[in-house]
Amino acid sequence: MNNVVTLHGNRRWKAVIEYRTDDGLKGVEHYFEEISDLHAIIEHGPDWNSLVRCTVTLNRPDGGEEQNSVEKARHPERSRQHS
């Protein structure tokens, strides 16, 4: 299969967590397989009181653009096709 793209460590999710520091905001990227792993990442990171923002996305080579594309929106979902 030559069309397979290797993701960062073959992890499904990517979280960018921004913390407030004395030097301003600091963003940290985390890659993980199960969404429930995010809890442990936050708990074991810097003080969660300094957490400003956490953005979670699917770790996709297209950055999710295909998923949110107009072309994709034009195609009915599989569940609707079988109704």
N, C-alpha and C. Protein backbone atom coordinates (compact mmCIF):
# COMPACT_ATOMS: atom_id res chain seq x y z
N MET A 1 0.85 -1.17 0.00
CA MET A 1 0.00 0.00 0.00
C MET A 1 0.89 1.24 0.00
N ASN A 2 0.92 1.94 -1.08
CA ASN A 2 1.79 3.10 -1.18
C ASN A 2 1.09 4.40 -0.83
N ASN A 3 -0.20 4.36 -0.51
CA ASN A 3 -0.91 5.59 -0.16
C ASN A 3 -1.10 5.74 1.35
N VAL A 4 -0.41 4.93 2.14
CA VAL A 4 -0.53 5.00 3.59
C VAL A 4 0.40 6.08 4.11
N VAL A 5 -0.14 6.94 4.96
CA VAL A 5 0.64 8.02 5.56
C VAL A 5 0.87 7.68 7.02
N THR A 6 2.11 7.69 7.45
CA THR A 6 2.42 7.40 8.84
C THR A 6 2.18 8.66 9.66
N LEU A 7 1.35 8.54 10.68
CA LEU A 7 1.07 9.66 11.57
C LEU A 7 2.11 9.69 12.67
N HIS A 8 2.16 10.76 13.41
CA HIS A 8 3.12 10.91 14.50
C HIS A 8 2.95 9.74 15.47
N GLY A 9 3.84 8.79 15.38
CA GLY A 9 3.77 7.65 16.29
C GLY A 9 2.51 6.82 16.11
N ASN A 10 1.86 6.95 14.98
CA ASN A 10 0.60 6.25 14.71
C ASN A 10 -0.46 6.55 15.76
N ARG A 11 -0.43 7.73 16.31
CA ARG A 11 -1.41 8.12 17.32
C ARG A 11 -2.60 8.79 16.66
N ARG A 12 -3.78 8.55 17.19
CA ARG A 12 -5.01 9.04 16.58
C ARG A 12 -5.29 10.51 16.87
N TRP A 13 -4.94 10.98 18.05
CA TRP A 13 -5.30 12.32 18.48
C TRP A 13 -4.08 13.20 18.69
N LYS A 14 -4.30 14.50 18.52
CA LYS A 14 -3.27 15.50 18.81
C LYS A 14 -3.91 16.57 19.69
N ALA A 15 -3.24 16.90 20.78
CA ALA A 15 -3.70 17.97 21.66
C ALA A 15 -2.60 19.02 21.74
N VAL A 16 -2.98 20.27 21.56
CA VAL A 16 -2.07 21.38 21.80
C VAL A 16 -2.58 22.07 23.05
N ILE A 17 -1.77 21.99 24.09
CA ILE A 17 -2.15 22.56 25.38
C ILE A 17 -1.31 23.80 25.62
N GLU A 18 -1.99 24.90 25.89
CA GLU A 18 -1.30 26.16 26.15
C GLU A 18 -1.37 26.48 27.63
N TYR A 19 -0.19 26.78 28.18
CA TYR A 19 -0.08 27.13 29.59
C TYR A 19 0.43 28.55 29.72
N ARG A 20 0.00 29.23 30.77
CA ARG A 20 0.50 30.56 31.08
C ARG A 20 1.78 30.39 31.90
N THR A 21 2.85 31.03 31.48
CA THR A 21 4.12 31.00 32.21
C THR A 21 4.57 32.43 32.48
N ASP A 22 5.65 32.58 33.24
CA ASP A 22 6.20 33.91 33.50
C ASP A 22 6.69 34.57 32.22
N ASP A 23 7.01 33.75 31.22
CA ASP A 23 7.51 34.26 29.93
C ASP A 23 6.41 34.37 28.88
N GLY A 24 5.16 34.24 29.27
CA GLY A 24 4.05 34.29 28.33
C GLY A 24 3.48 32.90 28.10
N LEU A 25 2.68 32.74 27.04
CA LEU A 25 2.06 31.46 26.76
C LEU A 25 3.07 30.47 26.21
N LYS A 26 2.93 29.22 26.63
CA LYS A 26 3.77 28.14 26.13
C LYS A 26 2.85 27.03 25.63
N GLY A 27 2.99 26.65 24.36
CA GLY A 27 2.18 25.58 23.79
C GLY A 27 2.96 24.28 23.76
N VAL A 28 2.30 23.19 24.16
CA VAL A 28 2.91 21.87 24.18
C VAL A 28 2.03 20.93 23.37
N GLU A 29 2.64 20.20 22.41
CA GLU A 29 1.90 19.22 21.61
C GLU A 29 2.01 17.84 22.23
N HIS A 30 0.88 17.13 22.26
CA HIS A 30 0.84 15.76 22.75
C HIS A 30 0.11 14.92 21.71
N TYR A 31 0.60 13.71 21.48
CA TYR A 31 -0.04 12.77 20.57
C TYR A 31 -0.42 11.53 21.37
N PHE A 32 -1.64 11.04 21.18
CA PHE A 32 -2.11 9.91 21.98
C PHE A 32 -3.18 9.14 21.21
N GLU A 33 -3.42 7.92 21.62
CA GLU A 33 -4.33 7.02 20.90
C GLU A 33 -5.77 7.14 21.38
N GLU A 34 -5.98 7.11 22.68
CA GLU A 34 -7.34 7.14 23.22
C GLU A 34 -7.64 8.51 23.82
N ILE A 35 -8.81 9.04 23.54
CA ILE A 35 -9.18 10.37 24.04
C ILE A 35 -9.15 10.40 25.57
N SER A 36 -9.40 9.26 26.20
CA SER A 36 -9.36 9.21 27.67
C SER A 36 -7.95 9.42 28.21
N ASP A 37 -6.92 9.25 27.37
CA ASP A 37 -5.53 9.50 27.79
C ASP A 37 -5.28 10.98 28.07
N LEU A 38 -6.11 11.84 27.52
CA LEU A 38 -5.92 13.28 27.71
C LEU A 38 -5.99 13.66 29.19
N HIS A 39 -6.82 12.98 29.94
CA HIS A 39 -6.94 13.25 31.38
C HIS A 39 -5.59 13.11 32.07
N ALA A 40 -4.89 12.02 31.82
CA ALA A 40 -3.59 11.78 32.45
C ALA A 40 -2.55 12.79 31.98
N ILE A 41 -2.62 13.16 30.71
CA ILE A 41 -1.66 14.14 30.18
C ILE A 41 -1.81 15.46 30.92
N ILE A 42 -3.04 15.90 31.12
CA ILE A 42 -3.27 17.18 31.81
C ILE A 42 -2.91 17.06 33.29
N GLU A 43 -3.29 15.96 33.92
CA GLU A 43 -3.00 15.79 35.34
C GLU A 43 -1.50 15.73 35.63
N HIS A 44 -0.71 15.17 34.70
CA HIS A 44 0.73 15.02 34.93
C HIS A 44 1.54 16.17 34.34
N GLY A 45 0.87 17.11 33.73
CA GLY A 45 1.58 18.26 33.14
C GLY A 45 1.82 19.33 34.17
N PRO A 46 2.15 20.53 33.69
CA PRO A 46 2.30 21.66 34.62
C PRO A 46 0.99 21.89 35.38
N ASP A 47 1.06 22.70 36.38
CA ASP A 47 -0.12 23.01 37.20
C ASP A 47 -1.31 23.35 36.31
N TRP A 48 -2.39 22.60 36.45
CA TRP A 48 -3.53 22.80 35.55
C TRP A 48 -4.20 24.15 35.76
N ASN A 49 -3.89 24.83 36.87
CA ASN A 49 -4.42 26.18 37.07
C ASN A 49 -3.81 27.17 36.07
N SER A 50 -2.67 26.80 35.47
CA SER A 50 -2.05 27.67 34.48
C SER A 50 -2.50 27.34 33.06
N LEU A 51 -3.35 26.33 32.92
CA LEU A 51 -3.85 25.93 31.60
C LEU A 51 -4.76 27.03 31.04
N VAL A 52 -4.47 27.46 29.82
CA VAL A 52 -5.25 28.50 29.17
C VAL A 52 -6.21 27.89 28.15
N ARG A 53 -5.67 26.94 27.37
CA ARG A 53 -6.48 26.39 26.28
C ARG A 53 -5.95 25.01 25.93
N CYS A 54 -6.87 24.13 25.54
CA CYS A 54 -6.51 22.80 25.06
C CYS A 54 -7.30 22.54 23.78
N THR A 55 -6.59 22.38 22.68
CA THR A 55 -7.23 22.14 21.39
C THR A 55 -6.93 20.71 20.97
N VAL A 56 -7.98 19.92 20.78
CA VAL A 56 -7.83 18.51 20.42
C VAL A 56 -8.34 18.32 19.00
N THR A 57 -7.52 17.67 18.18
CA THR A 57 -7.91 17.38 16.79
C THR A 57 -7.52 15.95 16.45
N LEU A 58 -8.17 15.41 15.43
CA LEU A 58 -7.72 14.15 14.89
C LEU A 58 -6.36 14.37 14.27
N ASN A 59 -5.46 13.46 14.48
CA ASN A 59 -4.11 13.57 13.95
C ASN A 59 -4.14 13.07 12.51
N ARG A 60 -4.49 13.97 11.60
CA ARG A 60 -4.65 13.62 10.19
C ARG A 60 -3.61 14.35 9.36
N PRO A 61 -3.15 13.69 8.29
CA PRO A 61 -2.14 14.34 7.45
C PRO A 61 -2.66 15.59 6.75
N ASP A 62 -3.99 15.70 6.58
CA ASP A 62 -4.56 16.86 5.89
C ASP A 62 -5.04 17.92 6.88
N GLY A 63 -4.76 17.73 8.15
CA GLY A 63 -5.18 18.70 9.16
C GLY A 63 -6.68 18.78 9.33
N GLY A 64 -7.42 17.78 8.84
CA GLY A 64 -8.87 17.76 8.94
C GLY A 64 -9.57 18.47 7.81
N GLU A 65 -8.80 19.01 6.86
CA GLU A 65 -9.41 19.76 5.77
C GLU A 65 -10.36 18.90 4.94
N GLU A 66 -9.97 17.66 4.65
CA GLU A 66 -10.84 16.80 3.86
C GLU A 66 -12.14 16.52 4.59
N GLN A 67 -12.05 16.30 5.89
CA GLN A 67 -13.24 16.01 6.68
C GLN A 67 -14.22 17.18 6.66
N ASN A 68 -13.71 18.39 6.59
CA ASN A 68 -14.55 19.58 6.63
C ASN A 68 -14.77 20.20 5.25
N SER A 69 -14.45 19.46 4.21
CA SER A 69 -14.51 20.02 2.86
C SER A 69 -15.94 20.10 2.33
N VAL A 70 -16.13 20.95 1.36
CA VAL A 70 -17.43 21.09 0.70
C VAL A 70 -17.79 19.79 -0.01
N GLU A 71 -16.78 19.16 -0.64
CA GLU A 71 -17.01 17.88 -1.33
C GLU A 71 -17.59 16.85 -0.38
N LYS A 72 -17.01 16.72 0.79
CA LYS A 72 -17.47 15.75 1.78
C LYS A 72 -18.89 16.08 2.22
N ALA A 73 -19.20 17.36 2.37
CA ALA A 73 -20.53 17.77 2.81
C ALA A 73 -21.60 17.43 1.77
N ARG A 74 -21.21 17.36 0.52
CA ARG A 74 -22.18 17.05 -0.55
C ARG A 74 -22.58 15.59 -0.57
N HIS A 75 -21.73 14.71 -0.01
CA HIS A 75 -22.03 13.29 0.01
C HIS A 75 -22.87 12.95 1.22
N PRO A 76 -23.99 12.24 1.02
CA PRO A 76 -24.81 11.84 2.17
C PRO A 76 -24.05 10.88 3.05
N GLU A 77 -24.30 10.93 4.33
CA GLU A 77 -23.67 10.01 5.25
C GLU A 77 -24.15 8.60 4.98
N ARG A 78 -23.31 7.64 5.32
CA ARG A 78 -23.63 6.23 5.08
C ARG A 78 -24.93 5.84 5.77
N SER A 79 -25.17 6.33 6.98
CA SER A 79 -26.38 5.96 7.71
C SER A 79 -27.63 6.46 7.01
N ARG A 80 -27.54 7.57 6.33
CA ARG A 80 -28.71 8.08 5.59
C ARG A 80 -28.96 7.27 4.34
N GLN A 81 -27.93 6.71 3.76
CA GLN A 81 -28.09 5.93 2.54
C GLN A 81 -28.85 4.65 2.80
N HIS A 82 -28.73 4.10 4.02
CA HIS A 82 -29.35 2.83 4.33
C HIS A 82 -30.71 2.99 5.01
N SER A 83 -31.20 4.20 5.10
CA SER A 83 -32.49 4.44 5.76
C SER A 83 -33.64 4.00 4.90
